[in-house]
Amino acid sequence: MQAPRLLVSRLARQSTRNNVRYDHYAPAQSSYNDLPQPQGNWKTHYDANQRKYNAHLALGIGVFVGSILFGKVAGFWEFYNDIPEQPAKIDSYK
């Protein structure tokens, strides 16, 4: 009874040891040569990005101002800019 169990445990231990490989889990060695190299004119790329960012900024400002104007015209917001110069005279406040 003990002999088959001992034999199976030794075979299982050996087979798992032989099948374990740690080489493919090791991180790849890298160096500065693997980093991306700058290519082309940086100014051209920078100007293209700035045009795109400025367009997004202008669109955002336009949508914001349009929303404020629409809300004011539709009556959603009251800015309280119609303050009278003289307070109202109410006789019952005595």
N, C-alpha and C. Protein backbone atom coordinates (compact mmCIF):
# COMPACT_ATOMS: atom_id res chain seq x y z
N MET A 1 0.82 -1.19 0.00
CA MET A 1 0.00 0.00 0.00
C MET A 1 0.87 1.25 0.00
N GLN A 2 1.92 1.24 0.78
CA GLN A 2 2.79 2.41 0.86
C GLN A 2 3.66 2.53 -0.38
N ALA A 3 4.06 1.45 -0.98
CA ALA A 3 4.99 1.50 -2.11
C ALA A 3 4.38 2.22 -3.31
N PRO A 4 3.15 1.95 -3.72
CA PRO A 4 2.61 2.71 -4.87
C PRO A 4 2.47 4.20 -4.57
N ARG A 5 2.07 4.53 -3.35
CA ARG A 5 1.92 5.93 -3.00
C ARG A 5 3.27 6.63 -3.03
N LEU A 6 4.29 5.98 -2.51
CA LEU A 6 5.63 6.55 -2.50
C LEU A 6 6.15 6.71 -3.92
N LEU A 7 5.91 5.72 -4.77
CA LEU A 7 6.35 5.78 -6.16
C LEU A 7 5.65 6.92 -6.91
N VAL A 8 4.34 7.05 -6.71
CA VAL A 8 3.59 8.10 -7.39
C VAL A 8 4.04 9.48 -6.91
N SER A 9 4.28 9.62 -5.63
CA SER A 9 4.70 10.93 -5.12
C SER A 9 6.08 11.31 -5.64
N ARG A 10 7.00 10.34 -5.75
CA ARG A 10 8.33 10.65 -6.27
C ARG A 10 8.27 10.99 -7.77
N LEU A 11 7.47 10.27 -8.52
CA LEU A 11 7.33 10.57 -9.94
C LEU A 11 6.67 11.94 -10.16
N ALA A 12 5.68 12.23 -9.35
CA ALA A 12 5.01 13.53 -9.48
C ALA A 12 5.96 14.65 -9.13
N ARG A 13 6.79 14.47 -8.10
CA ARG A 13 7.73 15.50 -7.70
C ARG A 13 8.77 15.74 -8.79
N GLN A 14 9.27 14.68 -9.39
CA GLN A 14 10.28 14.80 -10.43
C GLN A 14 9.70 15.43 -11.69
N SER A 15 8.49 15.03 -12.06
CA SER A 15 7.92 15.56 -13.30
C SER A 15 7.61 17.06 -13.15
N THR A 16 7.17 17.48 -11.98
CA THR A 16 6.90 18.90 -11.82
C THR A 16 8.19 19.70 -11.80
N ARG A 17 9.25 19.14 -11.24
CA ARG A 17 10.53 19.85 -11.24
C ARG A 17 11.08 20.00 -12.64
N ASN A 18 10.94 18.96 -13.45
CA ASN A 18 11.50 19.01 -14.80
C ASN A 18 10.70 19.93 -15.72
N ASN A 19 9.40 20.09 -15.45
CA ASN A 19 8.57 20.89 -16.33
C ASN A 19 8.56 22.38 -15.98
N VAL A 20 9.10 22.74 -14.86
CA VAL A 20 9.11 24.15 -14.45
C VAL A 20 10.29 24.83 -15.10
N ARG A 21 10.00 25.86 -15.84
CA ARG A 21 11.05 26.66 -16.47
C ARG A 21 10.79 28.12 -16.11
N TYR A 22 11.79 28.76 -15.59
CA TYR A 22 11.64 30.16 -15.20
C TYR A 22 12.22 31.10 -16.23
N ASP A 23 12.80 30.59 -17.29
CA ASP A 23 13.46 31.45 -18.26
C ASP A 23 12.45 32.33 -19.00
N HIS A 24 11.30 31.80 -19.32
CA HIS A 24 10.35 32.60 -20.08
C HIS A 24 9.59 33.59 -19.21
N TYR A 25 9.76 33.54 -17.89
CA TYR A 25 9.14 34.52 -17.02
C TYR A 25 10.07 35.69 -16.73
N ALA A 26 11.31 35.57 -17.09
CA ALA A 26 12.26 36.64 -16.81
C ALA A 26 11.96 37.85 -17.69
N PRO A 27 12.08 39.06 -17.14
CA PRO A 27 11.81 40.24 -17.96
C PRO A 27 12.89 40.41 -19.03
N ALA A 28 12.47 40.94 -20.15
CA ALA A 28 13.42 41.14 -21.24
C ALA A 28 14.38 42.26 -20.88
N GLN A 29 15.60 42.08 -21.22
CA GLN A 29 16.59 43.11 -20.96
C GLN A 29 16.40 44.23 -21.97
N SER A 30 16.38 45.45 -21.49
CA SER A 30 16.23 46.58 -22.40
C SER A 30 17.34 47.59 -22.12
N SER A 31 17.54 48.43 -23.09
CA SER A 31 18.58 49.45 -22.95
C SER A 31 18.06 50.75 -23.54
N TYR A 32 18.89 51.77 -23.52
CA TYR A 32 18.49 53.05 -24.10
C TYR A 32 18.32 52.95 -25.61
N ASN A 33 18.90 51.97 -26.22
CA ASN A 33 18.76 51.79 -27.66
C ASN A 33 17.34 51.35 -28.04
N ASP A 34 16.59 50.82 -27.07
CA ASP A 34 15.23 50.36 -27.34
C ASP A 34 14.21 51.49 -27.25
N LEU A 35 14.60 52.66 -26.75
CA LEU A 35 13.68 53.78 -26.63
C LEU A 35 13.35 54.35 -28.00
N PRO A 36 12.18 54.96 -28.15
CA PRO A 36 11.84 55.54 -29.45
C PRO A 36 12.77 56.70 -29.80
N GLN A 37 13.12 56.79 -31.05
CA GLN A 37 14.02 57.84 -31.52
C GLN A 37 13.19 58.98 -32.10
N PRO A 38 13.56 60.22 -31.83
CA PRO A 38 12.83 61.33 -32.44
C PRO A 38 13.04 61.35 -33.94
N GLN A 39 11.94 61.57 -34.67
CA GLN A 39 12.02 61.60 -36.12
C GLN A 39 11.23 62.79 -36.62
N GLY A 40 11.70 63.42 -37.65
CA GLY A 40 11.00 64.54 -38.25
C GLY A 40 11.24 65.84 -37.50
N ASN A 41 10.58 66.87 -37.98
CA ASN A 41 10.72 68.18 -37.39
C ASN A 41 9.76 68.32 -36.21
N TRP A 42 10.26 68.68 -35.05
CA TRP A 42 9.42 68.79 -33.87
C TRP A 42 8.45 69.96 -33.99
N LYS A 43 8.86 71.01 -34.67
CA LYS A 43 8.03 72.21 -34.79
C LYS A 43 6.75 71.91 -35.59
N THR A 44 6.86 71.11 -36.62
CA THR A 44 5.70 70.76 -37.44
C THR A 44 4.69 69.98 -36.59
N HIS A 45 5.17 69.02 -35.85
CA HIS A 45 4.30 68.23 -34.98
C HIS A 45 3.68 69.10 -33.88
N TYR A 46 4.49 69.97 -33.30
CA TYR A 46 4.01 70.86 -32.24
C TYR A 46 2.93 71.80 -32.76
N ASP A 47 3.14 72.39 -33.94
CA ASP A 47 2.15 73.30 -34.52
C ASP A 47 0.84 72.59 -34.86
N ALA A 48 0.94 71.37 -35.36
CA ALA A 48 -0.28 70.59 -35.66
C ALA A 48 -1.06 70.31 -34.38
N ASN A 49 -0.37 69.94 -33.31
CA ASN A 49 -1.05 69.70 -32.04
C ASN A 49 -1.66 70.97 -31.49
N GLN A 50 -0.96 72.09 -31.61
CA GLN A 50 -1.48 73.35 -31.09
C GLN A 50 -2.73 73.79 -31.85
N ARG A 51 -2.76 73.58 -33.17
CA ARG A 51 -3.96 73.91 -33.93
C ARG A 51 -5.15 73.09 -33.44
N LYS A 52 -4.91 71.82 -33.19
CA LYS A 52 -5.97 70.94 -32.70
C LYS A 52 -6.43 71.38 -31.31
N TYR A 53 -5.50 71.69 -30.42
CA TYR A 53 -5.85 72.10 -29.06
C TYR A 53 -6.57 73.45 -29.05
N ASN A 54 -6.14 74.37 -29.91
CA ASN A 54 -6.81 75.67 -29.98
C ASN A 54 -8.22 75.53 -30.54
N ALA A 55 -8.42 74.62 -31.48
CA ALA A 55 -9.76 74.38 -32.00
C ALA A 55 -10.66 73.82 -30.90
N HIS A 56 -10.14 72.91 -30.10
CA HIS A 56 -10.92 72.36 -28.99
C HIS A 56 -11.25 73.44 -27.97
N LEU A 57 -10.28 74.32 -27.70
CA LEU A 57 -10.51 75.40 -26.75
C LEU A 57 -11.57 76.36 -27.27
N ALA A 58 -11.48 76.74 -28.53
CA ALA A 58 -12.48 77.65 -29.12
C ALA A 58 -13.86 77.02 -29.12
N LEU A 59 -13.94 75.75 -29.45
CA LEU A 59 -15.23 75.06 -29.43
C LEU A 59 -15.80 75.03 -28.01
N GLY A 60 -14.97 74.75 -27.03
CA GLY A 60 -15.44 74.71 -25.64
C GLY A 60 -15.92 76.07 -25.17
N ILE A 61 -15.19 77.13 -25.51
CA ILE A 61 -15.62 78.48 -25.11
C ILE A 61 -16.92 78.84 -25.82
N GLY A 62 -17.03 78.49 -27.10
CA GLY A 62 -18.26 78.77 -27.84
C GLY A 62 -19.47 78.06 -27.26
N VAL A 63 -19.30 76.79 -26.89
CA VAL A 63 -20.41 76.03 -26.30
C VAL A 63 -20.79 76.62 -24.94
N PHE A 64 -19.79 77.02 -24.17
CA PHE A 64 -20.07 77.62 -22.85
C PHE A 64 -20.85 78.92 -22.99
N VAL A 65 -20.37 79.82 -23.86
CA VAL A 65 -21.06 81.10 -24.05
C VAL A 65 -22.46 80.87 -24.63
N GLY A 66 -22.59 79.95 -25.58
CA GLY A 66 -23.90 79.64 -26.13
C GLY A 66 -24.85 79.10 -25.08
N SER A 67 -24.36 78.28 -24.17
CA SER A 67 -25.21 77.74 -23.11
C SER A 67 -25.67 78.84 -22.17
N ILE A 68 -24.77 79.76 -21.82
CA ILE A 68 -25.14 80.87 -20.95
C ILE A 68 -26.19 81.75 -21.62
N LEU A 69 -25.97 82.08 -22.90
CA LEU A 69 -26.94 82.91 -23.61
C LEU A 69 -28.29 82.22 -23.75
N PHE A 70 -28.29 80.96 -24.09
CA PHE A 70 -29.55 80.23 -24.22
C PHE A 70 -30.28 80.18 -22.88
N GLY A 71 -29.55 79.92 -21.81
CA GLY A 71 -30.18 79.88 -20.49
C GLY A 71 -30.76 81.22 -20.08
N LYS A 72 -30.08 82.30 -20.42
CA LYS A 72 -30.59 83.64 -20.09
C LYS A 72 -31.84 83.97 -20.90
N VAL A 73 -31.80 83.68 -22.21
CA VAL A 73 -32.94 83.99 -23.07
C VAL A 73 -34.14 83.12 -22.71
N ALA A 74 -33.92 81.86 -22.39
CA ALA A 74 -35.01 80.96 -22.06
C ALA A 74 -35.55 81.17 -20.65
N GLY A 75 -34.86 81.96 -19.84
CA GLY A 75 -35.34 82.24 -18.49
C GLY A 75 -34.90 81.23 -17.46
N PHE A 76 -33.91 80.42 -17.76
CA PHE A 76 -33.43 79.44 -16.78
C PHE A 76 -32.60 80.10 -15.68
N TRP A 77 -31.92 81.20 -16.00
CA TRP A 77 -31.07 81.88 -15.03
C TRP A 77 -31.51 83.33 -14.88
N GLU A 78 -31.44 83.80 -13.67
CA GLU A 78 -31.72 85.20 -13.40
C GLU A 78 -30.44 85.79 -12.81
N PHE A 79 -29.90 86.77 -13.48
CA PHE A 79 -28.63 87.35 -13.05
C PHE A 79 -28.82 88.52 -12.09
N TYR A 80 -30.05 88.91 -11.81
CA TYR A 80 -30.38 89.97 -10.85
C TYR A 80 -29.62 91.27 -11.15
N ASN A 81 -29.65 91.66 -12.41
CA ASN A 81 -29.02 92.91 -12.78
C ASN A 81 -30.03 94.03 -12.95
N ASP A 82 -31.26 93.82 -12.49
CA ASP A 82 -32.29 94.85 -12.58
C ASP A 82 -32.62 95.40 -11.19
N ILE A 83 -31.59 95.79 -10.46
CA ILE A 83 -31.76 96.33 -9.11
C ILE A 83 -32.24 97.77 -9.23
N PRO A 84 -33.33 98.14 -8.57
CA PRO A 84 -33.82 99.52 -8.65
C PRO A 84 -32.90 100.47 -7.89
N GLU A 85 -32.93 101.73 -8.28
CA GLU A 85 -32.08 102.71 -7.61
C GLU A 85 -32.66 103.11 -6.26
N GLN A 86 -33.97 103.12 -6.13
CA GLN A 86 -34.63 103.46 -4.87
C GLN A 86 -35.43 102.25 -4.41
N PRO A 87 -35.40 101.96 -3.13
CA PRO A 87 -36.21 100.85 -2.64
C PRO A 87 -37.70 101.18 -2.76
N ALA A 88 -38.49 100.15 -2.83
CA ALA A 88 -39.94 100.34 -2.95
C ALA A 88 -40.49 100.86 -1.63
N LYS A 89 -41.49 101.75 -1.72
CA LYS A 89 -42.11 102.31 -0.51
C LYS A 89 -43.37 101.49 -0.22
N ILE A 90 -43.31 100.82 0.90
CA ILE A 90 -44.44 99.96 1.31
C ILE A 90 -44.93 100.53 2.63
N ASP A 91 -46.21 100.89 2.70
CA ASP A 91 -46.77 101.55 3.88
C ASP A 91 -46.98 100.60 5.05
N SER A 92 -47.07 99.33 4.81
CA SER A 92 -47.40 98.41 5.90
C SER A 92 -46.17 98.04 6.73
N TYR A 93 -45.02 98.61 6.46
CA TYR A 93 -43.80 98.29 7.22
C TYR A 93 -43.59 99.29 8.36
N LYS A 94 -44.57 99.57 9.17
CA LYS A 94 -44.41 100.54 10.23
C LYS A 94 -44.34 99.90 11.57
